[in-house]
Protein backbone atom coordinates (compact mmCIF):
# COMPACT_ATOMS: atom_id res chain seq x y z
CA MET A 1 181.01 91.69 82.45
CA THR A 2 178.31 92.69 79.95
CA ILE A 3 179.43 95.11 77.24
CA LEU A 4 177.13 98.12 76.98
CA ASN A 5 174.47 97.18 74.42
CA HIS A 6 172.30 100.30 74.32
CA LYS A 7 172.96 103.94 73.59
CA ILE A 8 173.01 106.40 76.49
CA ASP A 9 172.61 110.17 76.47
CA PHE A 10 173.05 112.37 79.52
CA ALA A 11 172.93 115.98 80.68
CA VAL A 12 174.26 117.66 83.81
CA ILE A 13 173.02 120.94 85.30
CA LEU A 14 175.44 122.57 87.74
CA SER A 15 175.64 125.83 89.64
CA VAL A 16 178.61 128.08 90.43
CA THR A 17 178.62 130.48 93.39
CA LYS A 18 181.56 132.85 93.85
CA ALA A 19 184.03 130.53 92.19
CA ASN A 20 186.16 130.21 89.08
CA PRO A 21 184.89 127.00 87.45
CA ASN A 22 187.52 126.91 84.70
CA GLY A 23 190.15 129.61 84.27
CA ASP A 24 191.50 130.56 80.85
CA PRO A 25 195.35 130.63 80.99
CA LEU A 26 195.45 132.82 77.87
CA ASN A 27 193.25 135.44 79.54
CA GLY A 28 194.83 135.94 82.96
CA ASN A 29 193.01 132.87 84.32
CA ARG A 30 189.65 134.65 84.11
CA PRO A 31 186.64 132.32 83.93
CA ARG A 32 186.15 131.16 80.37
CA GLN A 33 183.56 133.03 78.31
CA ASN A 34 182.32 132.84 74.75
CA TYR A 35 181.75 135.90 72.56
CA ASP A 36 178.16 136.20 73.80
CA GLY A 37 179.29 136.52 77.42
CA HIS A 38 178.18 133.06 78.46
CA GLY A 39 180.51 131.14 80.73
CA GLU A 40 182.17 127.93 79.59
CA ILE A 41 183.86 124.93 81.18
CA SER A 42 185.96 122.90 78.75
CA ASP A 43 185.26 119.24 78.14
CA VAL A 44 188.87 118.56 79.17
CA ALA A 45 188.23 120.09 82.61
CA ILE A 46 185.06 118.04 83.02
CA LYS A 47 186.84 114.82 82.07
CA ARG A 48 189.58 115.66 84.57
CA LYS A 49 187.00 115.86 87.36
CA ILE A 50 185.40 112.59 86.25
CA ARG A 51 188.80 110.89 86.27
CA ASN A 52 189.45 112.23 89.78
CA ARG A 53 186.12 110.90 91.05
CA LEU A 54 186.79 107.48 89.52
CA LEU A 55 190.28 107.52 91.04
CA ASP A 56 188.78 108.34 94.46
CA ALA A 57 186.49 105.34 93.98
CA GLY A 58 189.51 103.05 93.56
CA GLU A 59 189.44 102.74 89.77
CA SER A 60 192.61 102.40 87.71
CA ILE A 61 193.23 105.68 85.86
CA PHE A 62 195.86 106.27 83.17
CA VAL A 63 195.74 110.08 82.91
CA GLN A 64 196.32 111.13 86.51
CA SER A 65 197.03 114.73 87.51
CA ASN A 66 200.18 115.43 89.52
CA ASP A 67 198.26 116.55 92.61
CA LYS A 68 195.93 113.53 92.58
CA LYS A 69 198.12 110.66 91.40
CA VAL A 70 198.21 107.50 93.50
CA ASP A 71 201.36 105.88 92.08
CA GLU A 72 205.03 106.81 91.75
CA PHE A 73 205.05 107.45 88.01
CA LYS A 74 205.89 110.96 86.84
CA SER A 75 204.71 110.64 83.24
CA LEU A 76 202.22 108.78 81.07
CA ARG A 77 205.08 106.94 79.40
CA GLU A 78 206.37 105.60 82.71
CA ARG A 79 202.88 104.46 83.66
CA ALA A 80 202.42 102.69 80.34
CA GLU A 81 205.85 101.06 80.37
CA ALA A 82 205.25 99.73 83.90
CA ASN A 83 202.26 97.70 82.69
CA VAL A 84 203.42 94.10 82.20
CA ALA A 85 200.92 93.31 79.42
CA LEU A 86 201.79 96.42 77.42
CA GLU A 87 205.51 95.84 77.84
CA LYS A 88 205.17 92.31 76.54
CA ILE A 89 203.16 93.46 73.52
CA THR A 90 205.58 96.31 72.79
CA LYS A 91 208.62 94.03 72.81
CA SER A 92 206.96 91.35 70.69
CA LYS A 93 207.92 91.40 67.02
CA ASN A 94 204.45 90.22 65.99
CA SER A 95 202.43 92.60 68.17
CA SER A 96 199.67 94.75 66.72
CA SER A 97 198.06 98.07 67.61
CA ASP A 98 194.80 96.23 68.34
CA GLU A 99 196.52 94.07 70.96
CA PHE A 100 198.05 97.14 72.57
CA ALA A 101 194.70 98.96 72.59
CA LYS A 102 192.89 95.97 74.09
CA ALA A 103 195.41 95.62 76.93
CA ALA A 104 195.29 99.35 77.69
CA CYS A 105 191.48 99.37 77.76
CA GLU A 106 191.40 96.38 80.09
CA GLN A 107 193.77 98.11 82.52
CA TRP A 108 192.43 101.69 82.67
CA ILE A 109 188.78 102.75 82.84
CA ASP A 110 189.47 106.25 81.49
CA VAL A 111 191.11 104.79 78.39
CA ARG A 112 188.14 102.55 77.59
CA SER A 113 185.79 105.46 78.37
CA PHE A 114 187.36 108.52 76.73
CA GLY A 115 189.99 106.94 74.51
CA GLN A 116 193.67 107.83 74.49
CA VAL A 117 196.60 108.49 72.18
CA PHE A 118 199.72 106.49 73.05
CA ALA A 119 202.64 108.10 71.21
CA PHE A 120 206.05 107.29 72.66
CA LYS A 121 209.35 107.29 70.81
CA GLY A 122 211.64 104.33 71.21
CA THR A 123 209.61 102.40 73.78
CA GLY A 124 211.37 99.04 74.03
CA ASP A 125 212.70 97.95 70.64
CA LYS A 126 210.42 100.30 68.74
CA GLY A 127 208.20 103.30 69.17
CA VAL A 128 204.52 103.22 70.02
CA SER A 129 201.81 105.07 68.13
CA VAL A 130 198.35 103.84 69.02
CA GLY A 131 195.12 105.84 68.97
CA ILE A 132 192.01 104.66 70.80
CA ARG A 133 188.56 106.20 70.33
CA GLY A 134 186.42 106.08 73.45
CA PRO A 135 182.63 105.71 73.56
CA VAL A 136 182.01 108.53 76.07
CA SER A 137 181.80 111.98 74.49
CA ILE A 138 181.25 115.16 76.49
CA HIS A 139 180.38 118.67 75.30
CA THR A 140 181.73 121.92 76.66
CA ALA A 141 179.56 123.18 79.53
CA THR A 142 177.90 126.55 78.81
CA SER A 143 176.11 128.87 81.21
CA VAL A 144 172.41 129.41 80.63
CA SER A 145 172.75 133.18 81.09
CA PRO A 146 175.71 135.51 80.50
CA ILE A 147 177.98 135.54 83.55
CA ASP A 148 179.23 138.47 85.64
CA ILE A 149 182.91 138.20 86.55
CA THR A 150 184.23 139.87 89.70
CA SER A 151 187.96 140.54 89.90
CA MET A 152 189.98 141.39 92.98
CA GLN A 153 193.61 142.21 93.56
CA ILE A 154 195.42 139.92 96.00
CA THR A 155 198.54 140.78 97.96
CA LYS A 156 200.93 139.12 100.37
CA SER A 157 202.00 140.42 103.77
CA VAL A 158 204.96 138.12 104.41
CA ASN A 159 208.45 137.94 102.92
CA SER A 160 209.27 135.35 100.32
CA GLU A 161 213.01 135.82 100.83
CA PRO A 162 215.03 136.48 104.04
CA GLY A 163 216.56 139.87 104.78
CA LYS A 164 213.76 141.96 103.33
CA GLU A 165 211.46 144.27 105.19
CA ARG A 166 207.93 143.03 105.62
CA GLY A 167 205.47 144.64 103.28
CA SER A 168 202.41 144.12 101.14
CA ASP A 169 203.63 143.30 97.67
CA THR A 170 201.11 142.90 94.88
CA MET A 171 200.85 139.27 93.77
CA GLY A 172 198.15 139.37 91.14
CA MET A 173 194.43 139.06 90.53
CA LYS A 174 191.70 136.56 91.39
CA HIS A 175 188.55 136.23 89.34
CA ARG A 176 185.24 134.58 90.10
CA VAL A 177 181.74 134.06 88.76
CA ASP A 178 179.29 135.53 91.27
CA TYR A 179 176.54 133.12 90.24
CA GLY A 180 175.88 131.00 87.20
CA VAL A 181 174.04 127.89 86.09
CA TYR A 182 175.82 125.76 83.52
CA VAL A 183 174.72 122.71 81.56
CA PHE A 184 176.69 120.13 79.61
CA TYR A 185 175.65 117.14 77.56
CA GLY A 186 177.19 113.83 76.65
CA SER A 187 176.61 110.46 75.02
CA ILE A 188 177.88 106.90 75.16
CA ASN A 189 178.27 105.16 71.81
CA THR A 190 177.72 101.39 71.76
CA GLN A 191 179.84 100.68 68.66
CA LEU A 192 182.89 102.22 70.31
CA ALA A 193 181.96 100.57 73.61
CA GLU A 194 182.28 97.19 71.88
CA LYS A 195 185.76 98.11 70.66
CA THR A 196 187.08 99.29 74.03
CA GLY A 197 185.20 96.83 76.23
CA PHE A 198 183.15 99.52 77.98
CA THR A 199 180.58 97.70 80.14
CA GLU A 200 177.22 98.29 81.78
CA VAL A 201 179.10 98.51 85.09
CA ASP A 202 181.40 101.19 83.64
CA ALA A 203 178.34 103.20 82.58
CA GLU A 204 176.97 103.03 86.12
CA LYS A 205 180.31 104.22 87.50
CA MET A 206 180.30 107.09 85.01
CA LYS A 207 176.80 108.10 86.14
CA GLN A 208 177.83 108.12 89.79
CA ALA A 209 180.93 110.18 88.95
CA LEU A 210 178.68 112.81 87.33
CA VAL A 211 176.37 112.92 90.37
CA THR A 212 179.36 113.50 92.70
CA LEU A 213 181.40 115.55 90.23
CA PHE A 214 182.65 118.20 92.67
CA GLU A 215 183.33 116.07 95.72
CA ASN A 216 186.98 116.31 96.85
CA ASP A 217 187.51 119.05 94.23
CA SER A 218 187.84 122.19 96.37
CA SER A 219 190.64 124.69 95.79
CA SER A 220 191.36 128.39 96.27
CA ALA A 221 189.48 129.09 93.04
CA ARG A 222 186.64 126.71 93.91
CA PRO A 223 185.96 126.76 97.68
CA GLU A 224 184.07 123.87 99.21
CA GLY A 225 180.37 124.14 98.33
CA SER A 226 180.84 126.73 95.59
CA MET A 227 180.33 124.17 92.80
CA GLU A 228 177.24 121.99 92.91
CA VAL A 229 175.67 119.40 90.64
CA VAL A 230 171.96 120.24 90.60
CA LYS A 231 170.53 117.52 88.35
CA VAL A 232 171.77 114.65 86.21
CA TYR A 233 169.54 113.40 83.38
CA TRP A 234 170.34 109.91 82.12
CA TRP A 235 168.52 108.62 79.03
CA ASN A 236 168.68 104.85 78.38
CA HIS A 237 167.81 103.98 74.80
CA SER A 238 166.41 100.53 73.99
CA SER A 239 168.77 99.80 71.10
CA LYS A 240 172.40 100.21 70.05
CA LEU A 241 171.67 103.13 67.73
CA GLY A 242 168.96 104.64 69.92
CA GLN A 243 165.39 105.65 69.17
CA TYR A 244 166.36 109.30 68.73
CA SER A 245 169.43 111.29 67.78
CA SER A 246 171.53 112.70 70.61
CA ALA A 247 170.77 116.23 69.41
CA LYS A 248 167.01 115.66 69.73
CA VAL A 249 167.40 114.09 73.16
CA HIS A 250 169.56 116.96 74.41
CA ARG A 251 167.06 119.51 73.05
CA SER A 252 164.30 117.90 75.09
CA LEU A 253 165.83 119.52 78.18
CA SER A 254 165.30 123.26 78.55
CA ILE A 255 166.71 125.55 81.27
CA GLN A 256 165.48 129.14 81.16
CA PRO A 257 165.93 132.07 83.59
CA ASN A 258 162.69 133.52 84.93
CA LYS A 259 164.40 136.71 86.15
CA GLU A 260 166.50 139.27 84.30
CA GLN A 261 169.41 138.77 86.72
CA PRO A 262 169.12 135.29 88.24
CA LYS A 263 170.89 134.88 91.58
CA SER A 264 169.87 131.35 92.60
CA MET A 265 168.64 128.08 91.17
CA ASN A 266 165.09 129.17 92.06
CA ASP A 267 165.40 131.85 89.39
CA TYR A 268 165.53 129.20 86.66
CA THR A 269 162.81 127.01 85.18
CA ILE A 270 163.75 123.49 84.09
CA THR A 271 161.48 121.82 81.53
CA LEU A 272 161.86 118.25 80.33
CA ASN A 273 159.85 117.19 77.28
CA GLU A 274 159.74 113.42 77.51
CA LEU A 275 160.20 111.55 74.26
CA GLU A 276 157.91 108.62 73.53
CA GLY A 277 159.44 105.26 74.38
CA LEU A 278 162.60 106.75 75.87
CA ASP A 279 163.22 106.28 79.58
CA VAL A 280 164.97 109.02 81.52
CA GLU A 281 166.41 108.78 85.01
CA VAL A 282 166.64 112.07 86.93
CA LEU A 283 169.13 112.21 89.79
CA ASP A 284 169.84 114.98 92.28
CA GLY A 285 173.45 115.95 92.78
CA ARG A 286 175.15 115.22 96.07
């Protein structure tokens, strides 16, 4: 397969309707906000969704969540130790970190995309401490406008334990964003792609994962249809370093509300200032 030989920048616009896109565990699981009141979705949460979409597509994923995993391994260490190539390298007296990294990147698409730290004590005859830098970088998603958070108290009307009278016992709170439009940016670095073996085919798979980001992702906090990818912008540079910096490319996309309190995507204006000599592919979310 052809290693990616040109820089790529991308941006994703998504909408949230009566859902909690990313709860903050240190704040009662309320939707994340910055100090200006704008909503946020962490890059870790976005990468988790990308991994899930790639896993649904049949790709080999190293960092699998417990509720989505497709193998019997209960930890990252078990999954790594079960790989024949990695086990052989680990037990070899002449093995190197580069050999370990190469084998891991060949096996798992998320490792060669996002990178990974392998740090296990006493694996085989010795411990493992290998860090891999991935070519795909993703920013935190931020809402275009400040978000309004609605909170509601939830209760139960059944008994958790036998022998108790039925009653409505307070369980806690649920929080949601009534409506918000978020945007996040990312880039794919060719120098790191060469090191991890990230290919043109991998880039295409990443693009499709972004387009279908919220498929098979529903939950109590994010009901089906409450999270939607609106647009994906995919800039293909013509060289390894790119004609423009990622910052300039990302700034070429502008999303502005045209109402004081936007309630739908129609209340936003999207402007794309095309840069000379730089192709951009615009895809609708599914």
